[in-house]
Amino acid sequence: MIATITLAGVGGWVITTWMRIKNGYPLDGAWGQAVYPKTSSEEAERIKLLSQENAQLRAELGSIKDRLGNVERIVTDSGYQLTHQIEALRADKDKVQ
């Protein structure tokens, strides 16, 4: 019974620590103080570059969404569908002759 309680406590501590590490929360030291992971200037520069790339990709994605909206508007336009049907009839007429 005592072993089960001990294992449950240790297992809970391990899972809690793993979740803190995974989500970027600081770990607790021996006296309860926060222990932050060390970051070097190289890691800070990499984070900065990744943030810039992320912003650039988000802007590009916004542009692509706008372009896709325009294409959808053109394709669903009745004039485009009418032109497509006329071209299909012309193709059928050419096959018959």
PDB file of N, CA and C in Angstrom:
ATOM      1  N   MET A   1       0.827  -1.193   0.000  1.00  0.00           N
ATOM      2  CA  MET A   1       0.000   0.000   0.000  1.00  0.00           C
ATOM      3  C   MET A   1       0.873   1.259   0.000  1.00  0.00           C
ATOM      4  N   ILE A   2       1.875   1.271   0.855  1.00  0.00           N
ATOM      5  CA  ILE A   2       2.768   2.428   0.940  1.00  0.00           C
ATOM      6  C   ILE A   2       3.578   2.552  -0.352  1.00  0.00           C
ATOM      7  N   ALA A   3       3.991   1.418  -0.908  1.00  0.00           N
ATOM      8  CA  ALA A   3       4.761   1.441  -2.153  1.00  0.00           C
ATOM      9  C   ALA A   3       3.920   2.011  -3.294  1.00  0.00           C
ATOM     10  N   THR A   4       2.644   1.693  -3.324  1.00  0.00           N
ATOM     11  CA  THR A   4       1.752   2.203  -4.365  1.00  0.00           C
ATOM     12  C   THR A   4       1.618   3.718  -4.266  1.00  0.00           C
ATOM     13  N   ILE A   5       1.444   4.211  -3.056  1.00  0.00           N
ATOM     14  CA  ILE A   5       1.325   5.659  -2.847  1.00  0.00           C
ATOM     15  C   ILE A   5       2.625   6.354  -3.239  1.00  0.00           C
ATOM     16  N   THR A   6       3.763   5.746  -2.869  1.00  0.00           N
ATOM     17  CA  THR A   6       5.065   6.322  -3.207  1.00  0.00           C
ATOM     18  C   THR A   6       5.263   6.355  -4.720  1.00  0.00           C
ATOM     19  N   LEU A   7       4.948   5.260  -5.388  1.00  0.00           N
ATOM     20  CA  LEU A   7       5.082   5.213  -6.846  1.00  0.00           C
ATOM     21  C   LEU A   7       4.157   6.218  -7.531  1.00  0.00           C
ATOM     22  N   ALA A   8       2.954   6.378  -7.006  1.00  0.00           N
ATOM     23  CA  ALA A   8       2.027   7.354  -7.580  1.00  0.00           C
ATOM     24  C   ALA A   8       2.568   8.770  -7.413  1.00  0.00           C
ATOM     25  N   GLY A   9       3.144   9.066  -6.262  1.00  0.00           N
ATOM     26  CA  GLY A   9       3.720  10.394  -6.023  1.00  0.00           C
ATOM     27  C   GLY A   9       4.901  10.676  -6.928  1.00  0.00           C
ATOM     28  N   VAL A  10       5.808   9.707  -7.043  1.00  0.00           N
ATOM     29  CA  VAL A  10       6.980   9.877  -7.903  1.00  0.00           C
ATOM     30  C   VAL A  10       6.545   9.979  -9.367  1.00  0.00           C
ATOM     31  N   GLY A  11       5.607   9.156  -9.770  1.00  0.00           N
ATOM     32  CA  GLY A  11       5.102   9.211 -11.145  1.00  0.00           C
ATOM     33  C   GLY A  11       4.454  10.558 -11.449  1.00  0.00           C
ATOM     34  N   GLY A  12       3.689  11.082 -10.509  1.00  0.00           N
ATOM     35  CA  GLY A  12       3.075  12.400 -10.691  1.00  0.00           C
ATOM     36  C   GLY A  12       4.117  13.494 -10.816  1.00  0.00           C
ATOM     37  N   TRP A  13       5.173  13.412  -9.996  1.00  0.00           N
ATOM     38  CA  TRP A  13       6.250  14.406 -10.053  1.00  0.00           C
ATOM     39  C   TRP A  13       6.952  14.352 -11.413  1.00  0.00           C
ATOM     40  N   VAL A  14       7.217  13.140 -11.900  1.00  0.00           N
ATOM     41  CA  VAL A  14       7.891  12.983 -13.193  1.00  0.00           C
ATOM     42  C   VAL A  14       7.027  13.556 -14.315  1.00  0.00           C
ATOM     43  N   ILE A  15       5.754  13.257 -14.297  1.00  0.00           N
ATOM     44  CA  ILE A  15       4.852  13.750 -15.345  1.00  0.00           C
ATOM     45  C   ILE A  15       4.742  15.270 -15.283  1.00  0.00           C
ATOM     46  N   THR A  16       4.632  15.828 -14.074  1.00  0.00           N
ATOM     47  CA  THR A  16       4.552  17.283 -13.923  1.00  0.00           C
ATOM     48  C   THR A  16       5.813  17.959 -14.438  1.00  0.00           C
ATOM     49  N   THR A  17       6.975  17.411 -14.094  1.00  0.00           N
ATOM     50  CA  THR A  17       8.243  17.981 -14.561  1.00  0.00           C
ATOM     51  C   THR A  17       8.341  17.891 -16.077  1.00  0.00           C
ATOM     52  N   TRP A  18       7.946  16.778 -16.646  1.00  0.00           N
ATOM     53  CA  TRP A  18       7.982  16.609 -18.099  1.00  0.00           C
ATOM     54  C   TRP A  18       7.078  17.631 -18.785  1.00  0.00           C
ATOM     55  N   MET A  19       5.879  17.858 -18.245  1.00  0.00           N
ATOM     56  CA  MET A  19       4.954  18.822 -18.833  1.00  0.00           C
ATOM     57  C   MET A  19       5.504  20.244 -18.733  1.00  0.00           C
ATOM     58  N   ARG A  20       6.167  20.569 -17.626  1.00  0.00           N
ATOM     59  CA  ARG A  20       6.765  21.901 -17.487  1.00  0.00           C
ATOM     60  C   ARG A  20       7.864  22.104 -18.523  1.00  0.00           C
ATOM     61  N   ILE A  21       8.703  21.106 -18.696  1.00  0.00           N
ATOM     62  CA  ILE A  21       9.786  21.207 -19.682  1.00  0.00           C
ATOM     63  C   ILE A  21       9.204  21.326 -21.086  1.00  0.00           C
ATOM     64  N   LYS A  22       8.216  20.512 -21.392  1.00  0.00           N
ATOM     65  CA  LYS A  22       7.612  20.499 -22.722  1.00  0.00           C
ATOM     66  C   LYS A  22       6.983  21.841 -23.066  1.00  0.00           C
ATOM     67  N   ASN A  23       6.349  22.486 -22.096  1.00  0.00           N
ATOM     68  CA  ASN A  23       5.631  23.731 -22.348  1.00  0.00           C
ATOM     69  C   ASN A  23       6.438  24.980 -22.025  1.00  0.00           C
ATOM     70  N   GLY A  24       7.708  24.821 -21.653  1.00  0.00           N
ATOM     71  CA  GLY A  24       8.582  25.972 -21.463  1.00  0.00           C
ATOM     72  C   GLY A  24       8.481  26.658 -20.123  1.00  0.00           C
ATOM     73  N   TYR A  25       7.846  26.052 -19.141  1.00  0.00           N
ATOM     74  CA  TYR A  25       7.769  26.650 -17.812  1.00  0.00           C
ATOM     75  C   TYR A  25       9.078  26.427 -17.070  1.00  0.00           C
ATOM     76  N   PRO A  26       9.427  27.355 -16.174  1.00  0.00           N
ATOM     77  CA  PRO A  26      10.667  27.158 -15.415  1.00  0.00           C
ATOM     78  C   PRO A  26      10.517  26.011 -14.419  1.00  0.00           C
ATOM     79  N   LEU A  27      11.620  25.349 -14.153  1.00  0.00           N
ATOM     80  CA  LEU A  27      11.619  24.266 -13.177  1.00  0.00           C
ATOM     81  C   LEU A  27      11.852  24.843 -11.794  1.00  0.00           C
ATOM     82  N   ASP A  28      11.513  24.097 -10.760  1.00  0.00           N
ATOM     83  CA  ASP A  28      11.731  24.529  -9.382  1.00  0.00           C
ATOM     84  C   ASP A  28      13.053  23.991  -8.886  1.00  0.00           C
ATOM     85  N   GLY A  29      13.803  24.849  -8.176  1.00  0.00           N
ATOM     86  CA  GLY A  29      15.055  24.427  -7.569  1.00  0.00           C
ATOM     87  C   GLY A  29      14.787  23.730  -6.244  1.00  0.00           C
ATOM     88  N   ALA A  30      15.860  23.465  -5.503  1.00  0.00           N
ATOM     89  CA  ALA A  30      15.748  22.751  -4.234  1.00  0.00           C
ATOM     90  C   ALA A  30      14.925  23.527  -3.205  1.00  0.00           C
ATOM     91  N   TRP A  31      14.981  24.870  -3.230  1.00  0.00           N
ATOM     92  CA  TRP A  31      14.264  25.687  -2.259  1.00  0.00           C
ATOM     93  C   TRP A  31      13.037  26.355  -2.865  1.00  0.00           C
ATOM     94  N   GLY A  32      12.593  25.890  -4.008  1.00  0.00           N
ATOM     95  CA  GLY A  32      11.380  26.411  -4.625  1.00  0.00           C
ATOM     96  C   GLY A  32      11.600  27.581  -5.563  1.00  0.00           C
ATOM     97  N   GLN A  33      12.845  28.011  -5.741  1.00  0.00           N
ATOM     98  CA  GLN A  33      13.117  29.115  -6.655  1.00  0.00           C
ATOM     99  C   GLN A  33      13.015  28.624  -8.095  1.00  0.00           C
ATOM    100  N   ALA A  34      12.684  29.535  -8.995  1.00  0.00           N
ATOM    101  CA  ALA A  34      12.548  29.175 -10.406  1.00  0.00           C
ATOM    102  C   ALA A  34      13.922  29.025 -11.038  1.00  0.00           C
ATOM    103  N   VAL A  35      14.117  27.943 -11.761  1.00  0.00           N
ATOM    104  CA  VAL A  35      15.365  27.690 -12.466  1.00  0.00           C
ATOM    105  C   VAL A  35      15.045  27.755 -13.957  1.00  0.00           C
ATOM    106  N   TYR A  36      15.499  28.816 -14.602  1.00  0.00           N
ATOM    107  CA  TYR A  36      15.232  28.997 -16.026  1.00  0.00           C
ATOM    108  C   TYR A  36      16.328  28.322 -16.838  1.00  0.00           C
ATOM    109  N   PRO A  37      15.981  27.760 -17.975  1.00  0.00           N
ATOM    110  CA  PRO A  37      17.019  27.168 -18.824  1.00  0.00           C
ATOM    111  C   PRO A  37      17.944  28.259 -19.356  1.00  0.00           C
ATOM    112  N   LYS A  38      19.214  27.939 -19.507  1.00  0.00           N
ATOM    113  CA  LYS A  38      20.191  28.900 -20.000  1.00  0.00           C
ATOM    114  C   LYS A  38      20.035  29.036 -21.511  1.00  0.00           C
ATOM    115  N   THR A  39      20.098  30.273 -21.965  1.00  0.00           N
ATOM    116  CA  THR A  39      20.035  30.522 -23.401  1.00  0.00           C
ATOM    117  C   THR A  39      21.295  31.270 -23.810  1.00  0.00           C
ATOM    118  N   SER A  40      21.905  30.803 -24.847  1.00  0.00           N
ATOM    119  CA  SER A  40      23.117  31.447 -25.339  1.00  0.00           C
ATOM    120  C   SER A  40      22.739  32.490 -26.391  1.00  0.00           C
ATOM    121  N   SER A  41      23.713  33.293 -26.776  1.00  0.00           N
ATOM    122  CA  SER A  41      23.449  34.306 -27.800  1.00  0.00           C
ATOM    123  C   SER A  41      23.123  33.646 -29.139  1.00  0.00           C
ATOM    124  N   GLU A  42      23.702  32.470 -29.371  1.00  0.00           N
ATOM    125  CA  GLU A  42      23.410  31.740 -30.611  1.00  0.00           C
ATOM    126  C   GLU A  42      21.948  31.305 -30.645  1.00  0.00           C
ATOM    127  N   GLU A  43      21.447  30.819 -29.520  1.00  0.00           N
ATOM    128  CA  GLU A  43      20.048  30.403 -29.460  1.00  0.00           C
ATOM    129  C   GLU A  43      19.119  31.606 -29.582  1.00  0.00           C
ATOM    130  N   ALA A  44      19.499  32.727 -28.964  1.00  0.00           N
ATOM    131  CA  ALA A  44      18.684  33.937 -29.067  1.00  0.00           C
ATOM    132  C   ALA A  44      18.636  34.424 -30.514  1.00  0.00           C
ATOM    133  N   GLU A  45      19.761  34.364 -31.205  1.00  0.00           N
ATOM    134  CA  GLU A  45      19.804  34.766 -32.612  1.00  0.00           C
ATOM    135  C   GLU A  45      18.940  33.836 -33.463  1.00  0.00           C
ATOM    136  N   ARG A  46      18.988  32.550 -33.162  1.00  0.00           N
ATOM    137  CA  ARG A  46      18.179  31.578 -33.903  1.00  0.00           C
ATOM    138  C   ARG A  46      16.691  31.841 -33.679  1.00  0.00           C
ATOM    139  N   ILE A  47      16.321  32.153 -32.438  1.00  0.00           N
ATOM    140  CA  ILE A  47      14.924  32.466 -32.136  1.00  0.00           C
ATOM    141  C   ILE A  47      14.493  33.717 -32.896  1.00  0.00           C
ATOM    142  N   LYS A  48      15.377  34.717 -32.949  1.00  0.00           N
ATOM    143  CA  LYS A  48      15.075  35.953 -33.672  1.00  0.00           C
ATOM    144  C   LYS A  48      14.864  35.668 -35.161  1.00  0.00           C
ATOM    145  N   LEU A  49      15.758  34.860 -35.750  1.00  0.00           N
ATOM    146  CA  LEU A  49      15.628  34.521 -37.168  1.00  0.00           C
ATOM    147  C   LEU A  49      14.351  33.730 -37.447  1.00  0.00           C
ATOM    148  N   LEU A  50      14.033  32.796 -36.553  1.00  0.00           N
ATOM    149  CA  LEU A  50      12.815  32.009 -36.738  1.00  0.00           C
ATOM    150  C   LEU A  50      11.573  32.882 -36.612  1.00  0.00           C
ATOM    151  N   SER A  51      11.609  33.857 -35.713  1.00  0.00           N
ATOM    152  CA  SER A  51      10.476  34.771 -35.566  1.00  0.00           C
ATOM    153  C   SER A  51      10.292  35.613 -36.821  1.00  0.00           C
ATOM    154  N   GLN A  52      11.404  36.076 -37.391  1.00  0.00           N
ATOM    155  CA  GLN A  52      11.320  36.851 -38.629  1.00  0.00           C
ATOM    156  C   GLN A  52      10.777  35.999 -39.776  1.00  0.00           C
ATOM    157  N   GLU A  53      11.265  34.772 -39.866  1.00  0.00           N
ATOM    158  CA  GLU A  53      10.786  33.876 -40.919  1.00  0.00           C
ATOM    159  C   GLU A  53       9.303  33.575 -40.734  1.00  0.00           C
ATOM    160  N   ASN A  54       8.887  33.404 -39.483  1.00  0.00           N
ATOM    161  CA  ASN A  54       7.486  33.141 -39.190  1.00  0.00           C
ATOM    162  C   ASN A  54       6.620  34.309 -39.643  1.00  0.00           C
ATOM    163  N   ALA A  55       7.057  35.543 -39.357  1.00  0.00           N
ATOM    164  CA  ALA A  55       6.297  36.720 -39.778  1.00  0.00           C
ATOM    165  C   ALA A  55       6.221  36.798 -41.302  1.00  0.00           C
ATOM    166  N   GLN A  56       7.328  36.497 -41.967  1.00  0.00           N
ATOM    167  CA  GLN A  56       7.362  36.529 -43.430  1.00  0.00           C
ATOM    168  C   GLN A  56       6.408  35.483 -44.014  1.00  0.00           C
ATOM    169  N   LEU A  57       6.415  34.292 -43.451  1.00  0.00           N
ATOM    170  CA  LEU A  57       5.544  33.233 -43.963  1.00  0.00           C
ATOM    171  C   LEU A  57       4.074  33.551 -43.706  1.00  0.00           C
ATOM    172  N   ARG A  58       3.783  34.176 -42.573  1.00  0.00           N
ATOM    173  CA  ARG A  58       2.398  34.573 -42.301  1.00  0.00           C
ATOM    174  C   ARG A  58       1.918  35.618 -43.311  1.00  0.00           C
ATOM    175  N   ALA A  59       2.795  36.567 -43.645  1.00  0.00           N
ATOM    176  CA  ALA A  59       2.432  37.577 -44.642  1.00  0.00           C
ATOM    177  C   ALA A  59       2.201  36.928 -45.999  1.00  0.00           C
ATOM    178  N   GLU A  60       3.063  35.994 -46.360  1.00  0.00           N
ATOM    179  CA  GLU A  60       2.915  35.290 -47.638  1.00  0.00           C
ATOM    180  C   GLU A  60       1.625  34.479 -47.663  1.00  0.00           C
ATOM    181  N   LEU A  61       1.299  33.850 -46.545  1.00  0.00           N
ATOM    182  CA  LEU A  61       0.066  33.075 -46.468  1.00  0.00           C
ATOM    183  C   LEU A  61      -1.151  33.981 -46.627  1.00  0.00           C
ATOM    184  N   GLY A  62      -1.101  35.166 -46.034  1.00  0.00           N
ATOM    185  CA  GLY A  62      -2.197  36.119 -46.209  1.00  0.00           C
ATOM    186  C   GLY A  62      -2.370  36.511 -47.665  1.00  0.00           C
ATOM    187  N   SER A  63      -1.252  36.720 -48.357  1.00  0.00           N
ATOM    188  CA  SER A  63      -1.294  37.059 -49.778  1.00  0.00           C
ATOM    189  C   SER A  63      -1.897  35.918 -50.589  1.00  0.00           C
ATOM    190  N   ILE A  64      -1.508  34.707 -50.272  1.00  0.00           N
ATOM    191  CA  ILE A  64      -2.033  33.537 -50.994  1.00  0.00           C
ATOM    192  C   ILE A  64      -3.528  33.384 -50.743  1.00  0.00           C
ATOM    193  N   LYS A  65      -3.975  33.646 -49.514  1.00  0.00           N
ATOM    194  CA  LYS A  65      -5.411  33.568 -49.219  1.00  0.00           C
ATOM    195  C   LYS A  65      -6.188  34.587 -50.046  1.00  0.00           C
ATOM    196  N   ASP A  66      -5.632  35.798 -50.180  1.00  0.00           N
ATOM    197  CA  ASP A  66      -6.296  36.816 -50.999  1.00  0.00           C
ATOM    198  C   ASP A  66      -6.382  36.372 -52.457  1.00  0.00           C
ATOM    199  N   ARG A  67      -5.291  35.837 -52.970  1.00  0.00           N
ATOM    200  CA  ARG A  67      -5.280  35.381 -54.363  1.00  0.00           C
ATOM    201  C   ARG A  67      -6.264  34.236 -54.569  1.00  0.00           C
ATOM    202  N   LEU A  68      -6.327  33.319 -53.610  1.00  0.00           N
ATOM    203  CA  LEU A  68      -7.261  32.201 -53.713  1.00  0.00           C
ATOM    204  C   LEU A  68      -8.699  32.702 -53.695  1.00  0.00           C
ATOM    205  N   GLY A  69      -8.964  33.713 -52.889  1.00  0.00           N
ATOM    206  CA  GLY A  69     -10.302  34.304 -52.874  1.00  0.00           C
ATOM    207  C   GLY A  69     -10.678  34.872 -54.228  1.00  0.00           C
ATOM    208  N   ASN A  70      -9.719  35.525 -54.887  1.00  0.00           N
ATOM    209  CA  ASN A  70      -9.980  36.064 -56.229  1.00  0.00           C
ATOM    210  C   ASN A  70     -10.241  34.951 -57.234  1.00  0.00           C
ATOM    211  N   VAL A  71      -9.464  33.882 -57.168  1.00  0.00           N
ATOM    212  CA  VAL A  71      -9.662  32.751 -58.086  1.00  0.00           C
ATOM    213  C   VAL A  71     -11.025  32.111 -57.847  1.00  0.00           C
ATOM    214  N   GLU A  72     -11.419  31.955 -56.591  1.00  0.00           N
ATOM    215  CA  GLU A  72     -12.729  31.374 -56.292  1.00  0.00           C
ATOM    216  C   GLU A  72     -13.847  32.262 -56.836  1.00  0.00           C
ATOM    217  N   ARG A  73     -13.680  33.568 -56.712  1.00  0.00           N
ATOM    218  CA  ARG A  73     -14.688  34.490 -57.213  1.00  0.00           C
ATOM    219  C   ARG A  73     -14.801  34.381 -58.733  1.00  0.00           C
ATOM    220  N   ILE A  74     -13.675  34.246 -59.419  1.00  0.00           N
ATOM    221  CA  ILE A  74     -13.687  34.123 -60.883  1.00  0.00           C
ATOM    222  C   ILE A  74     -14.357  32.822 -61.308  1.00  0.00           C
ATOM    223  N   VAL A  75     -14.015  31.729 -60.643  1.00  0.00           N
ATOM    224  CA  VAL A  75     -14.543  30.416 -61.029  1.00  0.00           C
ATOM    225  C   VAL A  75     -16.032  30.323 -60.751  1.00  0.00           C
ATOM    226  N   THR A  76     -16.502  30.915 -59.667  1.00  0.00           N
ATOM    227  CA  THR A  76     -17.928  30.828 -59.342  1.00  0.00           C
ATOM    228  C   THR A  76     -18.741  31.890 -60.062  1.00  0.00           C
ATOM    229  N   ASP A  77     -18.081  32.775 -60.789  1.00  0.00           N
ATOM    230  CA  ASP A  77     -18.776  33.807 -61.552  1.00  0.00           C
ATOM    231  C   ASP A  77     -19.566  33.142 -62.678  1.00  0.00           C
ATOM    232  N   SER A  78     -20.795  33.601 -62.888  1.00  0.00           N
ATOM    233  CA  SER A  78     -21.647  32.970 -63.907  1.00  0.00           C
ATOM    234  C   SER A  78     -21.096  33.189 -65.313  1.00  0.00           C
ATOM    235  N   GLY A  79     -20.421  34.291 -65.554  1.00  0.00           N
ATOM    236  CA  GLY A  79     -19.830  34.535 -66.870  1.00  0.00           C
ATOM    237  C   GLY A  79     -18.766  33.512 -67.205  1.00  0.00           C
ATOM    238  N   TYR A  80     -17.969  33.133 -66.226  1.00  0.00           N
ATOM    239  CA  TYR A  80     -16.936  32.122 -66.450  1.00  0.00           C
ATOM    240  C   TYR A  80     -17.588  30.785 -66.779  1.00  0.00           C
ATOM    241  N   GLN A  81     -18.643  30.437 -66.046  1.00  0.00           N
ATOM    242  CA  GLN A  81     -19.316  29.162 -66.288  1.00  0.00           C
ATOM    243  C   GLN A  81     -19.971  29.153 -67.669  1.00  0.00           C
ATOM    244  N   LEU A  82     -20.542  30.279 -68.051  1.00  0.00           N
ATOM    245  CA  LEU A  82     -21.170  30.370 -69.370  1.00  0.00           C
ATOM    246  C   LEU A  82     -20.128  30.202 -70.470  1.00  0.00           C
ATOM    247  N   THR A  83     -18.986  30.848 -70.319  1.00  0.00           N
ATOM    248  CA  THR A  83     -17.907  30.715 -71.297  1.00  0.00           C
ATOM    249  C   THR A  83     -17.441  29.267 -71.385  1.00  0.00           C
ATOM    250  N   HIS A  84     -17.333  28.628 -70.254  1.00  0.00           N
ATOM    251  CA  HIS A  84     -16.898  27.232 -70.217  1.00  0.00           C
ATOM    252  C   HIS A  84     -17.906  26.341 -70.949  1.00  0.00           C
ATOM    253  N   GLN A  85     -19.204  26.585 -70.755  1.00  0.00           N
ATOM    254  CA  GLN A  85     -20.233  25.791 -71.424  1.00  0.00           C
ATOM    255  C   GLN A  85     -20.213  26.025 -72.941  1.00  0.00           C
ATOM    256  N   ILE A  86     -19.990  27.267 -73.340  1.00  0.00           N
ATOM    257  CA  ILE A  86     -19.919  27.570 -74.776  1.00  0.00           C
ATOM    258  C   ILE A  86     -18.737  26.848 -75.409  1.00  0.00           C
ATOM    259  N   GLU A  87     -17.602  26.870 -74.747  1.00  0.00           N
ATOM    260  CA  GLU A  87     -16.423  26.178 -75.270  1.00  0.00           C
ATOM    261  C   GLU A  87     -16.661  24.676 -75.341  1.00  0.00           C
ATOM    262  N   ALA A  88     -17.402  24.122 -74.384  1.00  0.00           N
ATOM    263  CA  ALA A  88     -17.720  22.694 -74.416  1.00  0.00           C
ATOM    264  C   ALA A  88     -18.619  22.375 -75.606  1.00  0.00           C
ATOM    265  N   LEU A  89     -19.585  23.247 -75.889  1.00  0.00           N
ATOM    266  CA  LEU A  89     -20.457  23.038 -77.043  1.00  0.00           C
ATOM    267  C   LEU A  89     -19.673  23.136 -78.349  1.00  0.00           C
ATOM    268  N   ARG A  90     -18.724  24.056 -78.409  1.00  0.00           N
ATOM    269  CA  ARG A  90     -17.895  24.172 -79.610  1.00  0.00           C
ATOM    270  C   ARG A  90     -17.061  22.910 -79.807  1.00  0.00           C
ATOM    271  N   ALA A  91     -16.562  22.368 -78.735  1.00  0.00           N
ATOM    272  CA  ALA A  91     -15.763  21.146 -78.820  1.00  0.00           C
ATOM    273  C   ALA A  91     -16.635  19.983 -79.291  1.00  0.00           C
ATOM    274  N   ASP A  92     -17.881  19.917 -78.796  1.00  0.00           N
ATOM    275  CA  ASP A  92     -18.800  18.866 -79.235  1.00  0.00           C
ATOM    276  C   ASP A  92     -19.143  19.034 -80.717  1.00  0.00           C
ATOM    277  N   LYS A  93     -19.319  20.285 -81.165  1.00  0.00           N
ATOM    278  CA  LYS A  93     -19.635  20.553 -82.564  1.00  0.00           C
ATOM    279  C   LYS A  93     -18.482  20.121 -83.462  1.00  0.00           C
ATOM    280  N   ASP A  94     -17.249  20.368 -83.025  1.00  0.00           N
ATOM    281  CA  ASP A  94     -16.081  19.962 -83.803  1.00  0.00           C
ATOM    282  C   ASP A  94     -15.977  18.439 -83.884  1.00  0.00           C
ATOM    283  N   LYS A  95     -16.383  17.737 -82.850  1.00  0.00           N
ATOM    284  CA  LYS A  95     -16.331  16.273 -82.851  1.00  0.00           C
ATOM    285  C   LYS A  95     -17.351  15.695 -83.835  1.00  0.00           C
ATOM    286  N   VAL A  96     -18.506  16.342 -83.948  1.00  0.00           N
ATOM    287  CA  VAL A  96     -19.572  15.856 -84.812  1.00  0.00           C
ATOM    288  C   VAL A  96     -19.178  16.023 -86.275  1.00  0.00           C
ATOM    289  N   GLN A  97     -18.519  17.076 -86.638  1.00  0.00           N
ATOM    290  CA  GLN A  97     -18.167  17.339 -88.038  1.00  0.00           C
ATOM    291  C   GLN A  97     -17.056  16.499 -88.468  1.00  0.00           C
TER     292      GLN A  97
END
